[in-house]
């Protein structure tokens, strides 16, 4: 069975998510979960460690940006913005709203 969104054939789950939800292609080298958090629950220790690493990465990218690397500067801004987002699925689960495939969450 093939899946299409518009005229584009979807080959992977990530590609489906990006096309279906309108996400742009990810910048190379940046892991969204590092900055926004995973979709699954994490312990307070895991969260603290992840956030510490994310702060270090953002600081390094910002320093590279100040040194003239425009791509690193944009990556730092993107990563920093991700730290203030909550993945939609995690927020829905926290609110007690879950949807099965084909259903729309209320």
C-alpha atoms as a PDB file:
ATOM      1  CA  UNK A   1       0.000   0.000   0.000  1.00  0.00           C
ATOM      2  CA  UNK A   2       1.320   3.441  -0.887  1.00  0.00           C
ATOM      3  CA  UNK A   3       0.665   6.672   0.951  1.00  0.00           C
ATOM      4  CA  UNK A   4       0.440  10.034  -0.775  1.00  0.00           C
ATOM      5  CA  UNK A   5       0.080  13.540   0.563  1.00  0.00           C
ATOM      6  CA  UNK A   6      -0.796  15.780  -2.337  1.00  0.00           C
ATOM      7  CA  UNK A   7       1.234  14.435  -5.216  1.00  0.00           C
ATOM      8  CA  UNK A   8       4.153  13.326  -3.014  1.00  0.00           C
ATOM      9  CA  UNK A   9       4.601   9.648  -2.149  1.00  0.00           C
ATOM     10  CA  UNK A  10       5.475   9.235   1.523  1.00  0.00           C
ATOM     11  CA  UNK A  11       8.273   6.755   2.201  1.00  0.00           C
ATOM     12  CA  UNK A  12       9.018   7.149   5.932  1.00  0.00           C
ATOM     13  CA  UNK A  13       7.124   7.998   9.108  1.00  0.00           C
ATOM     14  CA  UNK A  14       9.176  11.185   9.572  1.00  0.00           C
ATOM     15  CA  UNK A  15       8.398  12.277   6.031  1.00  0.00           C
ATOM     16  CA  UNK A  16       4.692  11.609   6.675  1.00  0.00           C
ATOM     17  CA  UNK A  17       4.796  13.736   9.833  1.00  0.00           C
ATOM     18  CA  UNK A  18       6.560  16.597   8.060  1.00  0.00           C
ATOM     19  CA  UNK A  19       4.172  16.579   5.095  1.00  0.00           C
ATOM     20  CA  UNK A  20       0.958  15.955   7.030  1.00  0.00           C
ATOM     21  CA  UNK A  21       1.653  18.503   9.751  1.00  0.00           C
ATOM     22  CA  UNK A  22       3.431  21.036   7.581  1.00  0.00           C
ATOM     23  CA  UNK A  23       6.853  20.823   9.217  1.00  0.00           C
ATOM     24  CA  UNK A  24       9.767  22.120   7.222  1.00  0.00           C
ATOM     25  CA  UNK A  25      12.756  19.935   6.590  1.00  0.00           C
ATOM     26  CA  UNK A  26      14.980  19.664   9.656  1.00  0.00           C
ATOM     27  CA  UNK A  27      18.296  21.496   9.734  1.00  0.00           C
ATOM     28  CA  UNK A  28      21.164  19.055   9.428  1.00  0.00           C
ATOM     29  CA  UNK A  29      22.787  18.195  12.722  1.00  0.00           C
ATOM     30  CA  UNK A  30      20.014  19.426  15.027  1.00  0.00           C
ATOM     31  CA  UNK A  31      18.007  16.913  17.030  1.00  0.00           C
ATOM     32  CA  UNK A  32      14.610  18.412  17.913  1.00  0.00           C
ATOM     33  CA  UNK A  33      14.177  16.075  20.880  1.00  0.00           C
ATOM     34  CA  UNK A  34      17.334  17.430  22.506  1.00  0.00           C
ATOM     35  CA  UNK A  35      15.861  20.912  22.669  1.00  0.00           C
ATOM     36  CA  UNK A  36      12.103  20.403  22.995  1.00  0.00           C
ATOM     37  CA  UNK A  37      12.112  17.090  24.854  1.00  0.00           C
ATOM     38  CA  UNK A  38      10.998  13.633  23.763  1.00  0.00           C
ATOM     39  CA  UNK A  39       7.388  12.671  23.097  1.00  0.00           C
ATOM     40  CA  UNK A  40       7.601  10.029  25.813  1.00  0.00           C
ATOM     41  CA  UNK A  41       7.871  10.820  29.530  1.00  0.00           C
ATOM     42  CA  UNK A  42      11.350  11.393  30.946  1.00  0.00           C
ATOM     43  CA  UNK A  43      12.575  11.354  34.537  1.00  0.00           C
ATOM     44  CA  UNK A  44      13.584  14.601  36.247  1.00  0.00           C
ATOM     45  CA  UNK A  45      17.243  13.492  36.077  1.00  0.00           C
ATOM     46  CA  UNK A  46      16.999  12.762  32.342  1.00  0.00           C
ATOM     47  CA  UNK A  47      15.321  16.108  31.753  1.00  0.00           C
ATOM     48  CA  UNK A  48      17.975  18.004  33.718  1.00  0.00           C
ATOM     49  CA  UNK A  49      20.776  16.265  31.802  1.00  0.00           C
ATOM     50  CA  UNK A  50      19.085  16.873  28.434  1.00  0.00           C
ATOM     51  CA  UNK A  51      18.487  20.542  29.215  1.00  0.00           C
ATOM     52  CA  UNK A  52      22.099  21.027  30.367  1.00  0.00           C
ATOM     53  CA  UNK A  53      23.418  19.560  27.103  1.00  0.00           C
ATOM     54  CA  UNK A  54      20.934  21.653  25.094  1.00  0.00           C
ATOM     55  CA  UNK A  55      22.133  24.855  26.820  1.00  0.00           C
ATOM     56  CA  UNK A  56      25.757  23.962  26.028  1.00  0.00           C
ATOM     57  CA  UNK A  57      24.942  23.270  22.366  1.00  0.00           C
ATOM     58  CA  UNK A  58      23.013  26.545  22.035  1.00  0.00           C
ATOM     59  CA  UNK A  59      25.902  28.447  23.643  1.00  0.00           C
ATOM     60  CA  UNK A  60      28.387  26.846  21.219  1.00  0.00           C
ATOM     61  CA  UNK A  61      26.196  27.626  18.218  1.00  0.00           C
ATOM     62  CA  UNK A  62      25.709  31.215  19.390  1.00  0.00           C
ATOM     63  CA  UNK A  63      29.478  31.631  19.836  1.00  0.00           C
ATOM     64  CA  UNK A  64      30.071  30.283  16.325  1.00  0.00           C
ATOM     65  CA  UNK A  65      27.410  32.682  15.060  1.00  0.00           C
ATOM     66  CA  UNK A  66      29.121  35.625  16.735  1.00  0.00           C
ATOM     67  CA  UNK A  67      32.324  34.465  15.061  1.00  0.00           C
ATOM     68  CA  UNK A  68      30.721  34.912  11.646  1.00  0.00           C
ATOM     69  CA  UNK A  69      29.042  31.540  10.975  1.00  0.00           C
ATOM     70  CA  UNK A  70      25.578  32.606   9.820  1.00  0.00           C
ATOM     71  CA  UNK A  71      24.217  29.037   9.677  1.00  0.00           C
ATOM     72  CA  UNK A  72      25.270  28.387  13.272  1.00  0.00           C
ATOM     73  CA  UNK A  73      23.609  31.642  14.331  1.00  0.00           C
ATOM     74  CA  UNK A  74      20.314  30.582  12.725  1.00  0.00           C
ATOM     75  CA  UNK A  75      20.634  27.095  14.234  1.00  0.00           C
ATOM     76  CA  UNK A  76      21.128  28.658  17.667  1.00  0.00           C
ATOM     77  CA  UNK A  77      17.944  30.710  17.253  1.00  0.00           C
ATOM     78  CA  UNK A  78      16.005  27.654  16.033  1.00  0.00           C
ATOM     79  CA  UNK A  79      17.278  25.459  18.876  1.00  0.00           C
ATOM     80  CA  UNK A  80      16.516  28.154  21.447  1.00  0.00           C
ATOM     81  CA  UNK A  81      12.962  28.489  20.111  1.00  0.00           C
ATOM     82  CA  UNK A  82      12.499  24.713  20.371  1.00  0.00           C
ATOM     83  CA  UNK A  83      13.294  24.863  24.094  1.00  0.00           C
ATOM     84  CA  UNK A  84      10.092  26.870  24.560  1.00  0.00           C
ATOM     85  CA  UNK A  85       7.810  24.479  22.681  1.00  0.00           C
ATOM     86  CA  UNK A  86       5.906  21.420  23.782  1.00  0.00           C
ATOM     87  CA  UNK A  87       5.426  18.682  21.229  1.00  0.00           C
ATOM     88  CA  UNK A  88       1.778  18.478  20.235  1.00  0.00           C
ATOM     89  CA  UNK A  89       1.409  14.790  21.052  1.00  0.00           C
ATOM     90  CA  UNK A  90       2.960  15.159  24.507  1.00  0.00           C
ATOM     91  CA  UNK A  91       0.714  18.146  25.280  1.00  0.00           C
ATOM     92  CA  UNK A  92      -2.352  16.232  24.119  1.00  0.00           C
ATOM     93  CA  UNK A  93      -1.439  13.234  26.276  1.00  0.00           C
ATOM     94  CA  UNK A  94      -0.851  15.480  29.291  1.00  0.00           C
ATOM     95  CA  UNK A  95      -4.286  17.007  28.773  1.00  0.00           C
ATOM     96  CA  UNK A  96      -5.792  13.509  28.691  1.00  0.00           C
ATOM     97  CA  UNK A  97      -6.578  13.696  25.010  1.00  0.00           C
ATOM     98  CA  UNK A  98      -5.422  10.800  22.906  1.00  0.00           C
ATOM     99  CA  UNK A  99      -6.567   9.864  19.440  1.00  0.00           C
ATOM    100  CA  UNK A 100      -6.320   6.518  17.746  1.00  0.00           C
ATOM    101  CA  UNK A 101      -5.426   6.322  14.082  1.00  0.00           C
ATOM    102  CA  UNK A 102      -8.170   7.927  12.037  1.00  0.00           C
ATOM    103  CA  UNK A 103      -9.773   9.689  15.004  1.00  0.00           C
ATOM    104  CA  UNK A 104      -9.692  13.364  15.826  1.00  0.00           C
ATOM    105  CA  UNK A 105      -8.891  14.274  19.413  1.00  0.00           C
ATOM    106  CA  UNK A 106     -11.603  16.326  21.098  1.00  0.00           C
END
